[in-house]
Amino acid sequence: MQKEGFLLLILAIVNVSFALFLSIRGNKSFQRVNKAFSLWIVTICFWYAQQIIKTLPLSENFLEILLRLSLLGIWIIPSFFVYFILCFMHEKISLGKRLMLICPAIIFIMLIMIDFSGLQLIIATTRRNIFGNLSRSIVYKMPVFLLWLGYFLSYSVWGAVLLLGHLKRTAVVLYNLKLRYLILQSNFLLASLAVLAFILGLTLDIIIPIVKSPVFPISSVTTLIMVIFMFILLIRVEQN
């Protein structure tokens, strides 16, 4: 493993630690939010795993198998992102919204499983990265990739709009009568910016390889920033 891989491994371990800690703590009324956040972080860790795998000196066939396995988590990140936001807002998730979260995830998981059969619907091949001598990146089949990219961007915007709209409705503080939690608007604003930083970082990592040789993943840093702040915010919300 190259030094880039070790750095990514450390970042992944930090993310997993936050997810595990939140998944086992919290009172009964707040566990839903903690677990939703933890599930989202787990899917993000699949992305870290993919970036680490790319730095390993593996054969082409074995590399593609591991990359497809990592996609099982990566390609459902948007659904878990929106699910976490809905839980954080303490909103009741209707059947229609559940279907909107589940159906795209199921479709992409099925496409990935079909890709294992050798039809190559998703991964065409791999190529060398600009960082590291052994690092490689995925070359996707454009039709399915564009479908997923539309899903990623639209669901990211959906989650961000929900979050910012919720912020707009809270002039000074958010007071939830059911759970009796106070959230300072400044904290909520920073949480919003952290989530937007995560979306921007991951979007750049998706777009950059299309127009030039891949560089070290920007979102590996922006994701950790987002996770740390959201972790602190969830702890504060629960303790108030």
C-alpha atoms as a PDB file:
ATOM      1  CA  MET A   1       0.000   0.000   0.000  1.00  0.00           C
ATOM      2  CA  GLN A   2       1.287   3.467  -0.884  1.00  0.00           C
ATOM      3  CA  LYS A   3       1.436   6.428   1.500  1.00  0.00           C
ATOM      4  CA  GLU A   4      -1.793   7.803  -0.024  1.00  0.00           C
ATOM      5  CA  GLY A   5      -3.489   4.547   0.901  1.00  0.00           C
ATOM      6  CA  PHE A   6      -2.270   4.711   4.507  1.00  0.00           C
ATOM      7  CA  LEU A   7      -3.549   8.282   4.847  1.00  0.00           C
ATOM      8  CA  LEU A   8      -6.945   7.237   3.491  1.00  0.00           C
ATOM      9  CA  LEU A   9      -6.979   4.243   5.859  1.00  0.00           C
ATOM     10  CA  ILE A  10      -6.452   6.538   8.865  1.00  0.00           C
ATOM     11  CA  LEU A  11      -9.286   8.805   7.702  1.00  0.00           C
ATOM     12  CA  ALA A  12     -11.551   5.782   7.201  1.00  0.00           C
ATOM     13  CA  ILE A  13     -10.784   4.446  10.696  1.00  0.00           C
ATOM     14  CA  VAL A  14     -11.656   7.832  12.220  1.00  0.00           C
ATOM     15  CA  ASN A  15     -14.984   7.830  10.363  1.00  0.00           C
ATOM     16  CA  VAL A  16     -15.785   4.273  11.440  1.00  0.00           C
ATOM     17  CA  SER A  17     -14.954   5.161  15.047  1.00  0.00           C
ATOM     18  CA  PHE A  18     -17.462   8.024  15.016  1.00  0.00           C
ATOM     19  CA  ALA A  19     -20.106   5.773  13.441  1.00  0.00           C
ATOM     20  CA  LEU A  20     -19.596   2.964  15.980  1.00  0.00           C
ATOM     21  CA  PHE A  21     -19.639   5.358  18.913  1.00  0.00           C
ATOM     22  CA  LEU A  22     -22.895   6.973  17.838  1.00  0.00           C
ATOM     23  CA  SER A  23     -24.573   3.668  16.996  1.00  0.00           C
ATOM     24  CA  ILE A  24     -24.261   2.402  20.577  1.00  0.00           C
ATOM     25  CA  ARG A  25     -25.118   5.554  22.484  1.00  0.00           C
ATOM     26  CA  GLY A  26     -28.047   7.905  22.891  1.00  0.00           C
ATOM     27  CA  ASN A  27     -31.401   7.708  24.619  1.00  0.00           C
ATOM     28  CA  LYS A  28     -34.233   5.832  22.971  1.00  0.00           C
ATOM     29  CA  SER A  29     -35.760   8.885  21.312  1.00  0.00           C
ATOM     30  CA  PHE A  30     -32.465   9.958  19.734  1.00  0.00           C
ATOM     31  CA  GLN A  31     -31.108   6.564  18.653  1.00  0.00           C
ATOM     32  CA  ARG A  32     -32.913   6.801  15.321  1.00  0.00           C
ATOM     33  CA  VAL A  33     -30.936   9.917  14.393  1.00  0.00           C
ATOM     34  CA  ASN A  34     -27.621   8.471  15.609  1.00  0.00           C
ATOM     35  CA  LYS A  35     -28.138   5.216  13.726  1.00  0.00           C
ATOM     36  CA  ALA A  36     -29.182   7.019  10.541  1.00  0.00           C
ATOM     37  CA  PHE A  37     -26.007   9.093  10.716  1.00  0.00           C
ATOM     38  CA  SER A  38     -23.931   5.970  11.407  1.00  0.00           C
ATOM     39  CA  LEU A  39     -25.424   4.158   8.410  1.00  0.00           C
ATOM     40  CA  TRP A  40     -24.619   7.109   6.177  1.00  0.00           C
ATOM     41  CA  ILE A  41     -21.008   7.118   7.432  1.00  0.00           C
ATOM     42  CA  VAL A  42     -20.748   3.365   6.754  1.00  0.00           C
ATOM     43  CA  THR A  43     -21.703   3.912   3.098  1.00  0.00           C
ATOM     44  CA  ILE A  44     -19.139   6.711   2.890  1.00  0.00           C
ATOM     45  CA  CYS A  45     -16.497   4.316   4.268  1.00  0.00           C
ATOM     46  CA  PHE A  46     -17.113   2.120   1.209  1.00  0.00           C
ATOM     47  CA  TRP A  47     -15.847   5.084  -0.793  1.00  0.00           C
ATOM     48  CA  TYR A  48     -12.731   5.273   1.388  1.00  0.00           C
ATOM     49  CA  ALA A  49     -12.272   1.534   0.888  1.00  0.00           C
ATOM     50  CA  GLN A  50     -12.424   1.984  -2.880  1.00  0.00           C
ATOM     51  CA  GLN A  51      -9.790   4.717  -2.794  1.00  0.00           C
ATOM     52  CA  ILE A  52      -7.541   2.493  -0.657  1.00  0.00           C
ATOM     53  CA  ILE A  53      -8.044  -0.495  -2.959  1.00  0.00           C
ATOM     54  CA  LYS A  54      -6.880   1.602  -5.906  1.00  0.00           C
ATOM     55  CA  THR A  55      -3.458   2.032  -4.257  1.00  0.00           C
ATOM     56  CA  LEU A  56      -2.869  -1.711  -3.794  1.00  0.00           C
ATOM     57  CA  PRO A  57      -0.673  -3.732  -6.190  1.00  0.00           C
ATOM     58  CA  LEU A  58      -3.428  -6.087  -7.335  1.00  0.00           C
ATOM     59  CA  SER A  59      -4.075  -7.937 -10.556  1.00  0.00           C
ATOM     60  CA  GLU A  60      -6.507  -6.276 -12.969  1.00  0.00           C
ATOM     61  CA  ASN A  61      -9.247  -8.896 -12.490  1.00  0.00           C
ATOM     62  CA  PHE A  62      -9.071  -8.954  -8.688  1.00  0.00           C
ATOM     63  CA  LEU A  63      -8.954  -5.154  -8.582  1.00  0.00           C
ATOM     64  CA  GLU A  64     -12.164  -4.884 -10.605  1.00  0.00           C
ATOM     65  CA  ILE A  65     -13.917  -7.405  -8.331  1.00  0.00           C
ATOM     66  CA  LEU A  66     -13.041  -5.370  -5.224  1.00  0.00           C
ATOM     67  CA  LEU A  67     -14.006  -2.121  -6.920  1.00  0.00           C
ATOM     68  CA  ARG A  68     -17.440  -3.535  -7.802  1.00  0.00           C
ATOM     69  CA  LEU A  69     -17.917  -4.689  -4.201  1.00  0.00           C
ATOM     70  CA  SER A  70     -17.098  -1.189  -2.968  1.00  0.00           C
ATOM     71  CA  LEU A  71     -19.717   0.259  -5.325  1.00  0.00           C
ATOM     72  CA  LEU A  72     -22.416  -1.659  -3.406  1.00  0.00           C
ATOM     73  CA  GLY A  73     -21.984   0.922  -0.639  1.00  0.00           C
ATOM     74  CA  ILE A  74     -20.842   3.953  -2.601  1.00  0.00           C
ATOM     75  CA  TRP A  75     -23.735   4.061  -5.039  1.00  0.00           C
ATOM     76  CA  ILE A  76     -26.373   4.196  -2.290  1.00  0.00           C
ATOM     77  CA  ILE A  77     -24.764   7.105  -0.387  1.00  0.00           C
ATOM     78  CA  PRO A  78     -27.372   9.612  -1.688  1.00  0.00           C
ATOM     79  CA  SER A  79     -30.339   7.654  -0.301  1.00  0.00           C
ATOM     80  CA  PHE A  80     -28.750   7.318   3.129  1.00  0.00           C
ATOM     81  CA  PHE A  81     -27.842  11.012   3.069  1.00  0.00           C
ATOM     82  CA  VAL A  82     -31.459  12.062   2.549  1.00  0.00           C
ATOM     83  CA  TYR A  83     -32.626   9.483   5.107  1.00  0.00           C
ATOM     84  CA  PHE A  84     -30.293  10.972   7.731  1.00  0.00           C
ATOM     85  CA  ILE A  85     -31.493  14.507   7.006  1.00  0.00           C
ATOM     86  CA  LEU A  86     -35.139  13.430   7.359  1.00  0.00           C
ATOM     87  CA  CYS A  87     -34.355  11.714  10.664  1.00  0.00           C
ATOM     88  CA  PHE A  88     -32.402  14.725  11.881  1.00  0.00           C
ATOM     89  CA  MET A  89     -35.423  16.906  11.152  1.00  0.00           C
ATOM     90  CA  HIS A  90     -37.578  14.408  13.096  1.00  0.00           C
ATOM     91  CA  GLU A  91     -39.831  14.185  10.067  1.00  0.00           C
ATOM     92  CA  LYS A  92     -42.196  11.288   9.578  1.00  0.00           C
ATOM     93  CA  ILE A  93     -41.092   9.455   6.432  1.00  0.00           C
ATOM     94  CA  SER A  94     -44.107   8.746   4.243  1.00  0.00           C
ATOM     95  CA  LEU A  95     -44.450   5.674   2.031  1.00  0.00           C
ATOM     96  CA  GLY A  96     -43.739   7.782  -1.056  1.00  0.00           C
ATOM     97  CA  LYS A  97     -40.478   9.086   0.395  1.00  0.00           C
ATOM     98  CA  ARG A  98     -39.487   5.594   1.506  1.00  0.00           C
ATOM     99  CA  LEU A  99     -39.939   4.354  -2.047  1.00  0.00           C
ATOM    100  CA  MET A 100     -37.905   7.295  -3.368  1.00  0.00           C
ATOM    101  CA  LEU A 101     -35.095   6.332  -1.014  1.00  0.00           C
ATOM    102  CA  ILE A 102     -35.232   2.563  -1.515  1.00  0.00           C
ATOM    103  CA  CYS A 103     -36.017   2.091  -5.214  1.00  0.00           C
ATOM    104  CA  PRO A 104     -32.952   3.865  -6.705  1.00  0.00           C
ATOM    105  CA  ALA A 105     -30.685   2.052  -4.237  1.00  0.00           C
ATOM    106  CA  ILE A 106     -32.158  -1.324  -5.224  1.00  0.00           C
ATOM    107  CA  ILE A 107     -31.832  -0.532  -8.937  1.00  0.00           C
ATOM    108  CA  PHE A 108     -28.159   0.388  -8.678  1.00  0.00           C
ATOM    109  CA  ILE A 109     -27.360  -2.614  -6.482  1.00  0.00           C
ATOM    110  CA  MET A 110     -28.993  -4.847  -9.095  1.00  0.00           C
ATOM    111  CA  LEU A 111     -26.954  -3.195 -11.873  1.00  0.00           C
ATOM    112  CA  ILE A 112     -23.754  -3.758  -9.895  1.00  0.00           C
ATOM    113  CA  MET A 113     -24.643  -7.419  -9.341  1.00  0.00           C
ATOM    114  CA  ILE A 114     -25.339  -7.824 -13.065  1.00  0.00           C
ATOM    115  CA  ASP A 115     -21.950  -6.235 -13.747  1.00  0.00           C
ATOM    116  CA  PHE A 116     -20.360  -9.142 -11.858  1.00  0.00           C
ATOM    117  CA  SER A 117     -21.675 -11.504 -14.555  1.00  0.00           C
ATOM    118  CA  GLY A 118     -19.291  -9.987 -17.085  1.00  0.00           C
ATOM    119  CA  LEU A 119     -21.691  -7.716 -18.976  1.00  0.00           C
ATOM    120  CA  GLN A 120     -19.670  -4.658 -17.921  1.00  0.00           C
ATOM    121  CA  LEU A 121     -22.609  -2.303 -17.550  1.00  0.00           C
ATOM    122  CA  ILE A 122     -20.730  -0.100 -15.088  1.00  0.00           C
ATOM    123  CA  ILE A 123     -16.947  -0.616 -15.061  1.00  0.00           C
ATOM    124  CA  ALA A 124     -15.219  -0.641 -18.430  1.00  0.00           C
ATOM    125  CA  THR A 125     -11.595  -0.787 -17.252  1.00  0.00           C
ATOM    126  CA  THR A 126      -9.095   0.924 -14.924  1.00  0.00           C
ATOM    127  CA  ARG A 127      -6.291   3.408 -15.591  1.00  0.00           C
ATOM    128  CA  ARG A 128      -3.277   4.875 -13.827  1.00  0.00           C
ATOM    129  CA  ASN A 129      -3.670   7.818 -11.447  1.00  0.00           C
ATOM    130  CA  ILE A 130      -1.461  10.897 -11.451  1.00  0.00           C
ATOM    131  CA  PHE A 131      -0.616  10.356  -7.758  1.00  0.00           C
ATOM    132  CA  GLY A 132       1.396   7.268  -6.813  1.00  0.00           C
ATOM    133  CA  ASN A 133       3.093   4.789  -9.126  1.00  0.00           C
ATOM    134  CA  LEU A 134       0.554   2.020  -8.628  1.00  0.00           C
ATOM    135  CA  SER A 135      -2.652   3.977  -8.028  1.00  0.00           C
ATOM    136  CA  ARG A 136      -5.477   3.338 -10.469  1.00  0.00           C
ATOM    137  CA  SER A 137      -8.965   4.691 -11.060  1.00  0.00           C
ATOM    138  CA  ILE A 138     -12.162   3.398 -12.595  1.00  0.00           C
ATOM    139  CA  VAL A 139     -13.239   4.080 -16.140  1.00  0.00           C
ATOM    140  CA  TYR A 140     -17.045   3.814 -16.062  1.00  0.00           C
ATOM    141  CA  LYS A 141     -19.474   2.997 -18.825  1.00  0.00           C
ATOM    142  CA  MET A 142     -20.939   6.400 -19.555  1.00  0.00           C
ATOM    143  CA  PRO A 143     -24.736   5.639 -19.768  1.00  0.00           C
ATOM    144  CA  VAL A 144     -25.053   4.032 -16.320  1.00  0.00           C
ATOM    145  CA  PHE A 145     -22.546   6.448 -14.798  1.00  0.00           C
ATOM    146  CA  LEU A 146     -24.544   9.459 -16.012  1.00  0.00           C
ATOM    147  CA  LEU A 147     -27.701   7.847 -14.577  1.00  0.00           C
ATOM    148  CA  TRP A 148     -26.010   7.456 -11.202  1.00  0.00           C
ATOM    149  CA  LEU A 149     -24.497  10.953 -11.368  1.00  0.00           C
ATOM    150  CA  GLY A 150     -27.981  12.400 -11.920  1.00  0.00           C
ATOM    151  CA  TYR A 151     -29.214  10.386  -8.915  1.00  0.00           C
ATOM    152  CA  PHE A 152     -26.292  11.571  -6.778  1.00  0.00           C
ATOM    153  CA  LEU A 153     -26.667  15.244  -7.665  1.00  0.00           C
ATOM    154  CA  SER A 154     -30.465  15.344  -7.426  1.00  0.00           C
ATOM    155  CA  TYR A 155     -30.604  13.547  -4.067  1.00  0.00           C
ATOM    156  CA  SER A 156     -27.730  15.647  -2.706  1.00  0.00           C
ATOM    157  CA  VAL A 157     -29.600  18.792  -3.703  1.00  0.00           C
ATOM    158  CA  TRP A 158     -32.806  17.335  -2.209  1.00  0.00           C
ATOM    159  CA  GLY A 159     -31.078  16.726   1.136  1.00  0.00           C
ATOM    160  CA  ALA A 160     -29.384  20.130   1.107  1.00  0.00           C
ATOM    161  CA  VAL A 161     -32.674  21.919   0.294  1.00  0.00           C
ATOM    162  CA  LEU A 162     -34.428  20.091   3.132  1.00  0.00           C
ATOM    163  CA  LEU A 163     -31.653  21.047   5.527  1.00  0.00           C
ATOM    164  CA  LEU A 164     -31.432  24.700   4.468  1.00  0.00           C
ATOM    165  CA  GLY A 165     -35.208  25.030   4.326  1.00  0.00           C
ATOM    166  CA  HIS A 166     -35.378  23.724   7.864  1.00  0.00           C
ATOM    167  CA  LEU A 167     -32.731  26.277   8.829  1.00  0.00           C
ATOM    168  CA  LYS A 168     -34.745  29.093   7.253  1.00  0.00           C
ATOM    169  CA  ARG A 169     -37.768  28.164   9.356  1.00  0.00           C
ATOM    170  CA  THR A 170     -35.731  28.466  12.558  1.00  0.00           C
ATOM    171  CA  ALA A 171     -35.205  32.165  13.192  1.00  0.00           C
ATOM    172  CA  VAL A 172     -33.191  31.897  16.410  1.00  0.00           C
ATOM    173  CA  VAL A 173     -33.466  28.342  17.694  1.00  0.00           C
ATOM    174  CA  LEU A 174     -35.116  25.133  16.636  1.00  0.00           C
ATOM    175  CA  TYR A 175     -37.463  23.897  19.355  1.00  0.00           C
ATOM    176  CA  ASN A 176     -38.806  20.409  18.897  1.00  0.00           C
ATOM    177  CA  LEU A 177     -41.802  19.949  21.198  1.00  0.00           C
ATOM    178  CA  LYS A 178     -41.781  16.175  20.897  1.00  0.00           C
ATOM    179  CA  LEU A 179     -38.131  15.593  21.809  1.00  0.00           C
ATOM    180  CA  ARG A 180     -37.576  18.908  23.635  1.00  0.00           C
ATOM    181  CA  TYR A 181     -34.255  19.692  22.039  1.00  0.00           C
ATOM    182  CA  LEU A 182     -32.769  23.144  21.503  1.00  0.00           C
ATOM    183  CA  ILE A 183     -30.401  23.598  18.580  1.00  0.00           C
ATOM    184  CA  LEU A 184     -28.563  26.899  18.243  1.00  0.00           C
ATOM    185  CA  GLN A 185     -28.964  28.323  14.775  1.00  0.00           C
ATOM    186  CA  SER A 186     -25.218  28.962  14.471  1.00  0.00           C
ATOM    187  CA  ASN A 187     -24.524  25.273  15.055  1.00  0.00           C
ATOM    188  CA  PHE A 188     -27.179  24.279  12.562  1.00  0.00           C
ATOM    189  CA  LEU A 189     -25.743  26.684   9.987  1.00  0.00           C
ATOM    190  CA  LEU A 190     -22.255  25.228  10.417  1.00  0.00           C
ATOM    191  CA  ALA A 191     -23.731  21.735  10.055  1.00  0.00           C
ATOM    192  CA  SER A 192     -25.345  22.821   6.803  1.00  0.00           C
ATOM    193  CA  LEU A 193     -22.058  24.212   5.515  1.00  0.00           C
ATOM    194  CA  ALA A 194     -20.299  21.004   6.533  1.00  0.00           C
ATOM    195  CA  VAL A 195     -22.775  18.893   4.559  1.00  0.00           C
ATOM    196  CA  LEU A 196     -22.458  21.199   1.559  1.00  0.00           C
ATOM    197  CA  ALA A 197     -18.651  20.908   1.783  1.00  0.00           C
ATOM    198  CA  PHE A 198     -19.020  17.125   1.693  1.00  0.00           C
ATOM    199  CA  ILE A 199     -21.251  17.318  -1.382  1.00  0.00           C
ATOM    200  CA  LEU A 200     -18.858  19.721  -3.126  1.00  0.00           C
ATOM    201  CA  GLY A 201     -15.814  17.563  -2.349  1.00  0.00           C
ATOM    202  CA  LEU A 202     -17.414  14.352  -3.578  1.00  0.00           C
ATOM    203  CA  THR A 203     -18.805  16.084  -6.670  1.00  0.00           C
ATOM    204  CA  LEU A 204     -15.341  17.371  -7.598  1.00  0.00           C
ATOM    205  CA  ASP A 205     -13.904  13.886  -7.125  1.00  0.00           C
ATOM    206  CA  ILE A 206     -16.524  12.574  -9.536  1.00  0.00           C
ATOM    207  CA  ILE A 207     -16.060  15.285 -12.164  1.00  0.00           C
ATOM    208  CA  ILE A 208     -12.257  15.753 -12.126  1.00  0.00           C
ATOM    209  CA  PRO A 209     -11.428  12.229 -13.414  1.00  0.00           C
ATOM    210  CA  ILE A 210     -13.731  12.875 -16.387  1.00  0.00           C
ATOM    211  CA  VAL A 211     -11.813  15.948 -17.575  1.00  0.00           C
ATOM    212  CA  LYS A 212      -8.237  15.162 -16.436  1.00  0.00           C
ATOM    213  CA  SER A 213      -6.043  12.623 -14.666  1.00  0.00           C
ATOM    214  CA  PRO A 214      -7.334  11.944 -11.124  1.00  0.00           C
ATOM    215  CA  VAL A 215      -5.648  13.700  -8.210  1.00  0.00           C
ATOM    216  CA  PHE A 216      -5.689  12.844  -4.500  1.00  0.00           C
ATOM    217  CA  PRO A 217      -9.383  12.694  -3.477  1.00  0.00           C
ATOM    218  CA  ILE A 218     -10.508  16.076  -2.152  1.00  0.00           C
ATOM    219  CA  SER A 219     -13.544  14.625  -0.415  1.00  0.00           C
ATOM    220  CA  SER A 220     -11.374  12.483   1.874  1.00  0.00           C
ATOM    221  CA  VAL A 221     -10.712  15.709   3.796  1.00  0.00           C
ATOM    222  CA  THR A 222     -14.084  17.440   3.366  1.00  0.00           C
ATOM    223  CA  THR A 223     -15.888  14.283   4.468  1.00  0.00           C
ATOM    224  CA  LEU A 224     -13.898  14.067   7.689  1.00  0.00           C
ATOM    225  CA  ILE A 225     -14.609  17.746   8.429  1.00  0.00           C
ATOM    226  CA  MET A 226     -18.327  17.096   7.906  1.00  0.00           C
ATOM    227  CA  VAL A 227     -18.325  13.960  10.075  1.00  0.00           C
ATOM    228  CA  ILE A 228     -16.505  15.615  12.976  1.00  0.00           C
ATOM    229  CA  PHE A 229     -18.823  18.612  13.080  1.00  0.00           C
ATOM    230  CA  MET A 230     -22.010  16.581  12.691  1.00  0.00           C
ATOM    231  CA  PHE A 231     -20.765  14.259  15.440  1.00  0.00           C
ATOM    232  CA  ILE A 232     -20.278  17.222  17.795  1.00  0.00           C
ATOM    233  CA  LEU A 233     -23.658  18.644  16.837  1.00  0.00           C
ATOM    234  CA  LEU A 234     -25.488  15.373  17.495  1.00  0.00           C
ATOM    235  CA  ILE A 235     -23.849  15.076  20.898  1.00  0.00           C
ATOM    236  CA  ARG A 236     -24.844  18.662  21.780  1.00  0.00           C
ATOM    237  CA  VAL A 237     -28.409  18.193  20.582  1.00  0.00           C
ATOM    238  CA  GLU A 238     -28.843  15.060  22.669  1.00  0.00           C
ATOM    239  CA  GLN A 239     -27.406  16.621  25.808  1.00  0.00           C
ATOM    240  CA  ASN A 240     -29.651  19.717  25.646  1.00  0.00           C
END
